[in-house]
């Protein structure tokens, strides 16, 4: 159900009917349990931009106090953010995970 909703919202973003940040906020709050906090929208947005640019091995900066699996800094890999936040629907081209 969550993937279908994400696909629908991503389609609305592509059609220009809804802002991507609004769609991501809805996705992170409604398609995850527990819901992700609103401050993760900027992280998701940055990861999508980098993934769409082909920068899968780059990093995005996480908000203060948030760390990525075992890292001691505030960086998270783009591919990991896309996968863990289920952002595939928002990519220009879908990648195999």
Protein backbone atom coordinates (compact mmCIF):
# COMPACT_ATOMS: atom_id res chain seq x y z
CA UNK A 1 0.00 0.00 0.00
CA UNK A 2 2.78 2.46 0.88
CA UNK A 3 4.57 1.99 -2.45
CA UNK A 4 1.35 2.58 -4.38
CA UNK A 5 0.73 5.79 -2.46
CA UNK A 6 4.33 6.93 -2.96
CA UNK A 7 4.05 6.20 -6.69
CA UNK A 8 0.84 8.24 -6.87
CA UNK A 9 2.33 11.20 -5.01
CA UNK A 10 5.52 11.09 -7.09
CA UNK A 11 3.35 11.12 -10.22
CA UNK A 12 1.56 14.21 -8.94
CA UNK A 13 4.94 15.86 -8.35
CA UNK A 14 5.99 15.06 -11.94
CA UNK A 15 2.71 16.51 -13.23
CA UNK A 16 3.33 19.71 -11.24
CA UNK A 17 0.24 19.25 -9.09
CA UNK A 18 2.06 19.10 -5.76
CA UNK A 19 5.40 20.32 -4.46
CA UNK A 20 8.00 17.56 -3.95
CA UNK A 21 8.70 18.66 -0.37
CA UNK A 22 5.00 18.37 0.50
CA UNK A 23 4.84 14.91 -1.10
CA UNK A 24 7.97 13.79 0.76
CA UNK A 25 6.58 15.08 4.04
CA UNK A 26 3.42 13.07 3.50
CA UNK A 27 5.43 9.99 2.47
CA UNK A 28 7.78 10.10 5.47
CA UNK A 29 4.91 10.65 7.91
CA UNK A 30 2.33 8.28 6.43
CA UNK A 31 4.26 5.43 4.85
CA UNK A 32 6.61 4.72 7.75
CA UNK A 33 6.12 3.48 11.25
CA UNK A 34 7.20 5.15 13.30
CA UNK A 35 6.83 8.26 11.16
CA UNK A 36 10.03 10.09 10.29
CA UNK A 37 10.31 13.62 11.69
CA UNK A 38 9.65 16.51 9.32
CA UNK A 39 13.32 17.57 9.37
CA UNK A 40 14.12 14.45 7.32
CA UNK A 41 12.34 15.97 4.29
CA UNK A 42 15.45 18.05 3.51
CA UNK A 43 17.62 14.91 3.75
CA UNK A 44 15.29 13.01 1.41
CA UNK A 45 15.19 15.95 -1.00
CA UNK A 46 19.00 16.18 -1.12
CA UNK A 47 19.39 12.42 -1.59
CA UNK A 48 16.91 12.43 -4.50
CA UNK A 49 18.76 15.31 -6.18
CA UNK A 50 22.11 13.52 -5.85
CA UNK A 51 20.69 10.18 -7.01
CA UNK A 52 19.09 11.83 -10.04
CA UNK A 53 22.50 13.36 -10.84
CA UNK A 54 24.08 9.88 -10.67
CA UNK A 55 25.93 10.65 -7.43
CA UNK A 56 24.97 7.39 -5.70
CA UNK A 57 28.26 7.07 -3.81
CA UNK A 58 28.14 10.62 -2.43
CA UNK A 59 26.87 11.60 1.01
CA UNK A 60 24.15 13.85 2.39
CA UNK A 61 24.39 15.66 5.69
CA UNK A 62 22.01 14.57 8.42
CA UNK A 63 20.51 16.97 10.97
CA UNK A 64 22.32 17.49 14.24
CA UNK A 65 21.92 14.52 16.55
CA UNK A 66 21.14 12.05 13.74
CA UNK A 67 23.74 9.48 12.72
CA UNK A 68 23.91 6.87 10.00
CA UNK A 69 24.34 3.20 10.95
CA UNK A 70 27.65 3.01 12.78
CA UNK A 71 29.14 6.27 11.49
CA UNK A 72 30.41 8.80 13.98
CA UNK A 73 29.81 11.82 11.76
CA UNK A 74 26.57 13.25 10.41
CA UNK A 75 26.86 11.87 6.86
CA UNK A 76 24.73 9.23 5.17
CA UNK A 77 25.29 7.61 1.78
CA UNK A 78 22.84 8.62 -0.92
CA UNK A 79 22.05 5.02 -1.87
CA UNK A 80 21.33 4.20 1.78
CA UNK A 81 18.99 7.14 2.27
CA UNK A 82 17.07 6.31 -0.91
CA UNK A 83 16.71 2.70 0.14
CA UNK A 84 15.93 3.20 3.83
CA UNK A 85 13.40 6.01 3.28
CA UNK A 86 11.84 4.17 0.31
CA UNK A 87 12.32 7.08 -2.08
CA UNK A 88 12.51 5.07 -5.31
CA UNK A 89 9.21 6.45 -6.59
CA UNK A 90 10.61 9.99 -6.51
CA UNK A 91 13.64 9.24 -8.72
CA UNK A 92 13.80 10.23 -12.37
CA UNK A 93 14.78 6.64 -13.19
CA UNK A 94 14.19 3.69 -10.93
CA UNK A 95 17.32 1.83 -9.83
CA UNK A 96 17.57 -1.81 -8.85
CA UNK A 97 18.06 -2.26 -5.12
